[in-house]
Amino acid sequence: MDIIKEEFTTAQIDMLRQTQATLAIEDLKIGKMGIDAIGKMLKGEISREDYQKMLKENYKSNGKH
């Protein structure tokens, strides 16, 4: 995943990759903004609930749901 450029632990990188793979299975895509938000969540800068809310709003505004 070439979008990852920040300093993450191996476990955090695995979580990013698993999340991206899960979304791909659901035929949803996650872009740079989503990856950046996951990074913030992993670092404790935003909560999981805030991330999920942002993701929902993003998909609603793009007509995905």
PDB file of N, CA and C in Angstrom:
ATOM      1  N   MET A   1       0.865  -1.151   0.000  1.00  0.00           N
ATOM      2  CA  MET A   1       0.000   0.000   0.000  1.00  0.00           C
ATOM      3  C   MET A   1       0.916   1.220   0.000  1.00  0.00           C
ATOM      4  N   ASP A   2       1.079   1.823  -1.114  1.00  0.00           N
ATOM      5  CA  ASP A   2       2.025   2.915  -1.264  1.00  0.00           C
ATOM      6  C   ASP A   2       1.543   4.225  -0.664  1.00  0.00           C
ATOM      7  N   ILE A   3       0.301   4.292  -0.220  1.00  0.00           N
ATOM      8  CA  ILE A   3      -0.210   5.524   0.385  1.00  0.00           C
ATOM      9  C   ILE A   3       0.372   5.700   1.786  1.00  0.00           C
ATOM     10  N   ILE A   4       0.746   4.602   2.432  1.00  0.00           N
ATOM     11  CA  ILE A   4       1.267   4.674   3.795  1.00  0.00           C
ATOM     12  C   ILE A   4       2.659   5.280   3.748  1.00  0.00           C
ATOM     13  N   LYS A   5       2.794   6.456   4.351  1.00  0.00           N
ATOM     14  CA  LYS A   5       4.098   7.098   4.371  1.00  0.00           C
ATOM     15  C   LYS A   5       4.470   7.596   5.759  1.00  0.00           C
ATOM     16  N   GLU A   6       3.517   7.561   6.671  1.00  0.00           N
ATOM     17  CA  GLU A   6       3.801   7.975   8.036  1.00  0.00           C
ATOM     18  C   GLU A   6       4.469   6.826   8.781  1.00  0.00           C
ATOM     19  N   GLU A   7       4.948   7.132   9.958  1.00  0.00           N
ATOM     20  CA  GLU A   7       5.595   6.113  10.767  1.00  0.00           C
ATOM     21  C   GLU A   7       4.545   5.356  11.566  1.00  0.00           C
ATOM     22  N   PHE A   8       4.249   4.149  11.128  1.00  0.00           N
ATOM     23  CA  PHE A   8       3.307   3.282  11.815  1.00  0.00           C
ATOM     24  C   PHE A   8       4.038   2.024  12.261  1.00  0.00           C
ATOM     25  N   THR A   9       3.514   1.407  13.294  1.00  0.00           N
ATOM     26  CA  THR A   9       4.056   0.118  13.705  1.00  0.00           C
ATOM     27  C   THR A   9       3.603  -0.938  12.703  1.00  0.00           C
ATOM     28  N   THR A  10       4.230  -2.080  12.763  1.00  0.00           N
ATOM     29  CA  THR A  10       3.837  -3.182  11.880  1.00  0.00           C
ATOM     30  C   THR A  10       2.373  -3.552  12.102  1.00  0.00           C
ATOM     31  N   ALA A  11       1.938  -3.571  13.352  1.00  0.00           N
ATOM     32  CA  ALA A  11       0.541  -3.904  13.661  1.00  0.00           C
ATOM     33  C   ALA A  11      -0.415  -2.858  13.082  1.00  0.00           C
ATOM     34  N   GLN A  12      -0.037  -1.585  13.134  1.00  0.00           N
ATOM     35  CA  GLN A  12      -0.881  -0.534  12.582  1.00  0.00           C
ATOM     36  C   GLN A  12      -0.970  -0.642  11.062  1.00  0.00           C
ATOM     37  N   ILE A  13       0.130  -0.957  10.419  1.00  0.00           N
ATOM     38  CA  ILE A  13       0.128  -1.144   8.963  1.00  0.00           C
ATOM     39  C   ILE A  13      -0.742  -2.332   8.593  1.00  0.00           C
ATOM     40  N   ASP A  14      -0.655  -3.410   9.361  1.00  0.00           N
ATOM     41  CA  ASP A  14      -1.511  -4.576   9.114  1.00  0.00           C
ATOM     42  C   ASP A  14      -2.981  -4.200   9.241  1.00  0.00           C
ATOM     43  N   MET A  15      -3.319  -3.378  10.252  1.00  0.00           N
ATOM     44  CA  MET A  15      -4.703  -2.956  10.447  1.00  0.00           C
ATOM     45  C   MET A  15      -5.177  -2.119   9.262  1.00  0.00           C
ATOM     46  N   LEU A  16      -4.327  -1.227   8.773  1.00  0.00           N
ATOM     47  CA  LEU A  16      -4.672  -0.422   7.597  1.00  0.00           C
ATOM     48  C   LEU A  16      -4.947  -1.320   6.396  1.00  0.00           C
ATOM     49  N   ARG A  17      -4.094  -2.284   6.178  1.00  0.00           N
ATOM     50  CA  ARG A  17      -4.256  -3.192   5.037  1.00  0.00           C
ATOM     51  C   ARG A  17      -5.500  -4.051   5.179  1.00  0.00           C
ATOM     52  N   GLN A  18      -5.764  -4.543   6.384  1.00  0.00           N
ATOM     53  CA  GLN A  18      -6.960  -5.360   6.613  1.00  0.00           C
ATOM     54  C   GLN A  18      -8.224  -4.547   6.382  1.00  0.00           C
ATOM     55  N   THR A  19      -8.222  -3.309   6.840  1.00  0.00           N
ATOM     56  CA  THR A  19      -9.389  -2.441   6.642  1.00  0.00           C
ATOM     57  C   THR A  19      -9.615  -2.186   5.166  1.00  0.00           C
ATOM     58  N   GLN A  20      -8.552  -1.890   4.446  1.00  0.00           N
ATOM     59  CA  GLN A  20      -8.682  -1.641   3.015  1.00  0.00           C
ATOM     60  C   GLN A  20      -9.182  -2.889   2.291  1.00  0.00           C
ATOM     61  N   ALA A  21      -8.677  -4.060   2.669  1.00  0.00           N
ATOM     62  CA  ALA A  21      -9.118  -5.305   2.046  1.00  0.00           C
ATOM     63  C   ALA A  21     -10.583  -5.588   2.359  1.00  0.00           C
ATOM     64  N   THR A  22     -11.000  -5.360   3.591  1.00  0.00           N
ATOM     65  CA  THR A  22     -12.395  -5.574   3.980  1.00  0.00           C
ATOM     66  C   THR A  22     -13.324  -4.676   3.179  1.00  0.00           C
ATOM     67  N   LEU A  23     -12.956  -3.413   3.053  1.00  0.00           N
ATOM     68  CA  LEU A  23     -13.781  -2.492   2.273  1.00  0.00           C
ATOM     69  C   LEU A  23     -13.833  -2.910   0.807  1.00  0.00           C
ATOM     70  N   ALA A  24     -12.731  -3.395   0.274  1.00  0.00           N
ATOM     71  CA  ALA A  24     -12.700  -3.836  -1.121  1.00  0.00           C
ATOM     72  C   ALA A  24     -13.639  -5.022  -1.334  1.00  0.00           C
ATOM     73  N   ILE A  25     -13.697  -5.916  -0.361  1.00  0.00           N
ATOM     74  CA  ILE A  25     -14.603  -7.065  -0.455  1.00  0.00           C
ATOM     75  C   ILE A  25     -16.046  -6.577  -0.539  1.00  0.00           C
ATOM     76  N   GLU A  26     -16.352  -5.511   0.196  1.00  0.00           N
ATOM     77  CA  GLU A  26     -17.697  -4.929   0.186  1.00  0.00           C
ATOM     78  C   GLU A  26     -17.905  -4.021  -1.019  1.00  0.00           C
ATOM     79  N   ASP A  27     -16.938  -3.995  -1.912  1.00  0.00           N
ATOM     80  CA  ASP A  27     -16.958  -3.149  -3.106  1.00  0.00           C
ATOM     81  C   ASP A  27     -16.964  -1.664  -2.745  1.00  0.00           C
ATOM     82  N   LEU A  28     -16.310  -1.333  -1.652  1.00  0.00           N
ATOM     83  CA  LEU A  28     -16.143   0.056  -1.245  1.00  0.00           C
ATOM     84  C   LEU A  28     -14.666   0.394  -1.367  1.00  0.00           C
ATOM     85  N   LYS A  29     -14.374   1.575  -1.725  1.00  0.00           N
ATOM     86  CA  LYS A  29     -12.989   2.000  -1.871  1.00  0.00           C
ATOM     87  C   LYS A  29     -12.656   2.995  -0.771  1.00  0.00           C
ATOM     88  N   ILE A  30     -11.419   2.981  -0.352  1.00  0.00           N
ATOM     89  CA  ILE A  30     -10.960   3.956   0.627  1.00  0.00           C
ATOM     90  C   ILE A  30      -9.784   4.690   0.007  1.00  0.00           C
ATOM     91  N   GLY A  31      -9.896   5.981  -0.048  1.00  0.00           N
ATOM     92  CA  GLY A  31      -8.864   6.798  -0.667  1.00  0.00           C
ATOM     93  C   GLY A  31      -7.881   7.344   0.349  1.00  0.00           C
ATOM     94  N   LYS A  32      -7.095   8.289  -0.098  1.00  0.00           N
ATOM     95  CA  LYS A  32      -6.067   8.873   0.762  1.00  0.00           C
ATOM     96  C   LYS A  32      -6.666   9.491   2.019  1.00  0.00           C
ATOM     97  N   MET A  33      -7.796  10.184   1.891  1.00  0.00           N
ATOM     98  CA  MET A  33      -8.433  10.792   3.056  1.00  0.00           C
ATOM     99  C   MET A  33      -8.809   9.721   4.085  1.00  0.00           C
ATOM    100  N   GLY A  34      -9.367   8.613   3.612  1.00  0.00           N
ATOM    101  CA  GLY A  34      -9.741   7.526   4.512  1.00  0.00           C
ATOM    102  C   GLY A  34      -8.549   6.884   5.179  1.00  0.00           C
ATOM    103  N   ILE A  35      -7.478   6.690   4.421  1.00  0.00           N
ATOM    104  CA  ILE A  35      -6.249   6.128   4.983  1.00  0.00           C
ATOM    105  C   ILE A  35      -5.679   7.070   6.036  1.00  0.00           C
ATOM    106  N   ASP A  36      -5.672   8.369   5.735  1.00  0.00           N
ATOM    107  CA  ASP A  36      -5.176   9.351   6.705  1.00  0.00           C
ATOM    108  C   ASP A  36      -6.011   9.320   7.984  1.00  0.00           C
ATOM    109  N   ALA A  37      -7.336   9.184   7.823  1.00  0.00           N
ATOM    110  CA  ALA A  37      -8.219   9.145   8.991  1.00  0.00           C
ATOM    111  C   ALA A  37      -7.979   7.881   9.815  1.00  0.00           C
ATOM    112  N   ILE A  38      -7.727   6.754   9.154  1.00  0.00           N
ATOM    113  CA  ILE A  38      -7.413   5.523   9.896  1.00  0.00           C
ATOM    114  C   ILE A  38      -6.127   5.736  10.687  1.00  0.00           C
ATOM    115  N   GLY A  39      -5.155   6.380  10.058  1.00  0.00           N
ATOM    116  CA  GLY A  39      -3.911   6.671  10.762  1.00  0.00           C
ATOM    117  C   GLY A  39      -4.142   7.504  12.007  1.00  0.00           C
ATOM    118  N   LYS A  40      -5.006   8.505  11.898  1.00  0.00           N
ATOM    119  CA  LYS A  40      -5.338   9.334  13.070  1.00  0.00           C
ATOM    120  C   LYS A  40      -6.010   8.503  14.148  1.00  0.00           C
ATOM    121  N   MET A  41      -6.873   7.579  13.726  1.00  0.00           N
ATOM    122  CA  MET A  41      -7.554   6.720  14.678  1.00  0.00           C
ATOM    123  C   MET A  41      -6.541   5.823  15.395  1.00  0.00           C
ATOM    124  N   LEU A  42      -5.602   5.256  14.638  1.00  0.00           N
ATOM    125  CA  LEU A  42      -4.604   4.380  15.232  1.00  0.00           C
ATOM    126  C   LEU A  42      -3.705   5.118  16.217  1.00  0.00           C
ATOM    127  N   LYS A  43      -3.484   6.393  15.942  1.00  0.00           N
ATOM    128  CA  LYS A  43      -2.631   7.197  16.820  1.00  0.00           C
ATOM    129  C   LYS A  43      -3.411   7.807  17.974  1.00  0.00           C
ATOM    130  N   GLY A  44      -4.726   7.588  18.020  1.00  0.00           N
ATOM    131  CA  GLY A  44      -5.541   8.103  19.100  1.00  0.00           C
ATOM    132  C   GLY A  44      -5.959   9.554  18.920  1.00  0.00           C
ATOM    133  N   GLU A  45      -5.790  10.089  17.724  1.00  0.00           N
ATOM    134  CA  GLU A  45      -6.155  11.482  17.472  1.00  0.00           C
ATOM    135  C   GLU A  45      -7.655  11.641  17.254  1.00  0.00           C
ATOM    136  N   ILE A  46      -8.319  10.608  16.761  1.00  0.00           N
ATOM    137  CA  ILE A  46      -9.776  10.597  16.637  1.00  0.00           C
ATOM    138  C   ILE A  46     -10.273   9.242  17.134  1.00  0.00           C
ATOM    139  N   SER A  47     -11.527   9.195  17.553  1.00  0.00           N
ATOM    140  CA  SER A  47     -12.086   7.937  18.046  1.00  0.00           C
ATOM    141  C   SER A  47     -12.565   7.069  16.878  1.00  0.00           C
ATOM    142  N   ARG A  48     -12.770   5.812  17.169  1.00  0.00           N
ATOM    143  CA  ARG A  48     -13.301   4.897  16.153  1.00  0.00           C
ATOM    144  C   ARG A  48     -14.682   5.359  15.712  1.00  0.00           C
ATOM    145  N   GLU A  49     -15.465   5.853  16.665  1.00  0.00           N
ATOM    146  CA  GLU A  49     -16.797   6.344  16.340  1.00  0.00           C
ATOM    147  C   GLU A  49     -16.738   7.542  15.403  1.00  0.00           C
ATOM    148  N   ASP A  50     -15.788   8.445  15.658  1.00  0.00           N
ATOM    149  CA  ASP A  50     -15.624   9.599  14.773  1.00  0.00           C
ATOM    150  C   ASP A  50     -15.211   9.156  13.375  1.00  0.00           C
ATOM    151  N   TYR A  51     -14.331   8.155  13.315  1.00  0.00           N
ATOM    152  CA  TYR A  51     -13.903   7.645  12.010  1.00  0.00           C
ATOM    153  C   TYR A  51     -15.079   7.032  11.258  1.00  0.00           C
ATOM    154  N   GLN A  52     -15.868   6.218  11.959  1.00  0.00           N
ATOM    155  CA  GLN A  52     -17.013   5.580  11.321  1.00  0.00           C
ATOM    156  C   GLN A  52     -18.027   6.610  10.847  1.00  0.00           C
ATOM    157  N   LYS A  53     -18.239   7.652  11.645  1.00  0.00           N
ATOM    158  CA  LYS A  53     -19.159   8.718  11.268  1.00  0.00           C
ATOM    159  C   LYS A  53     -18.661   9.420  10.001  1.00  0.00           C
ATOM    160  N   MET A  54     -17.370   9.725   9.953  1.00  0.00           N
ATOM    161  CA  MET A  54     -16.783  10.374   8.784  1.00  0.00           C
ATOM    162  C   MET A  54     -16.925   9.483   7.549  1.00  0.00           C
ATOM    163  N   LEU A  55     -16.694   8.197   7.722  1.00  0.00           N
ATOM    164  CA  LEU A  55     -16.799   7.258   6.610  1.00  0.00           C
ATOM    165  C   LEU A  55     -18.232   7.191   6.091  1.00  0.00           C
ATOM    166  N   LYS A  56     -19.207   7.117   7.006  1.00  0.00           N
ATOM    167  CA  LYS A  56     -20.617   7.089   6.615  1.00  0.00           C
ATOM    168  C   LYS A  56     -21.004   8.347   5.846  1.00  0.00           C
ATOM    169  N   GLU A  57     -20.612   9.498   6.386  1.00  0.00           N
ATOM    170  CA  GLU A  57     -20.938  10.765   5.733  1.00  0.00           C
ATOM    171  C   GLU A  57     -20.310  10.846   4.344  1.00  0.00           C
ATOM    172  N   ASN A  58     -19.088  10.350   4.229  1.00  0.00           N
ATOM    173  CA  ASN A  58     -18.398  10.369   2.940  1.00  0.00           C
ATOM    174  C   ASN A  58     -19.137   9.512   1.905  1.00  0.00           C
ATOM    175  N   TYR A  59     -19.536   8.307   2.323  1.00  0.00           N
ATOM    176  CA  TYR A  59     -20.237   7.428   1.386  1.00  0.00           C
ATOM    177  C   TYR A  59     -21.630   7.941   1.047  1.00  0.00           C
ATOM    178  N   LYS A  60     -22.306   8.547   2.013  1.00  0.00           N
ATOM    179  CA  LYS A  60     -23.627   9.127   1.733  1.00  0.00           C
ATOM    180  C   LYS A  60     -23.516  10.259   0.731  1.00  0.00           C
ATOM    181  N   SER A  61     -22.512  11.114   0.902  1.00  0.00           N
ATOM    182  CA  SER A  61     -22.352  12.251   0.013  1.00  0.00           C
ATOM    183  C   SER A  61     -21.923  11.829  -1.390  1.00  0.00           C
ATOM    184  N   ASN A  62     -21.309  10.649  -1.494  1.00  0.00           N
ATOM    185  CA  ASN A  62     -20.889  10.138  -2.793  1.00  0.00           C
ATOM    186  C   ASN A  62     -21.889   9.158  -3.394  1.00  0.00           C
ATOM    187  N   GLY A  63     -23.043   9.009  -2.740  1.00  0.00           N
ATOM    188  CA  GLY A  63     -24.099   8.148  -3.271  1.00  0.00           C
ATOM    189  C   GLY A  63     -23.810   6.660  -3.176  1.00  0.00           C
ATOM    190  N   LYS A  64     -22.956   6.275  -2.236  1.00  0.00           N
ATOM    191  CA  LYS A  64     -22.614   4.846  -2.093  1.00  0.00           C
ATOM    192  C   LYS A  64     -23.641   4.100  -1.275  1.00  0.00           C
ATOM    193  N   HIS A  65     -24.380   4.804  -0.414  1.00  0.00           N
ATOM    194  CA  HIS A  65     -25.384   4.143   0.447  1.00  0.00           C
ATOM    195  C   HIS A  65     -26.683   4.880   0.342  1.00  0.00           C
TER     196      HIS A  65
END
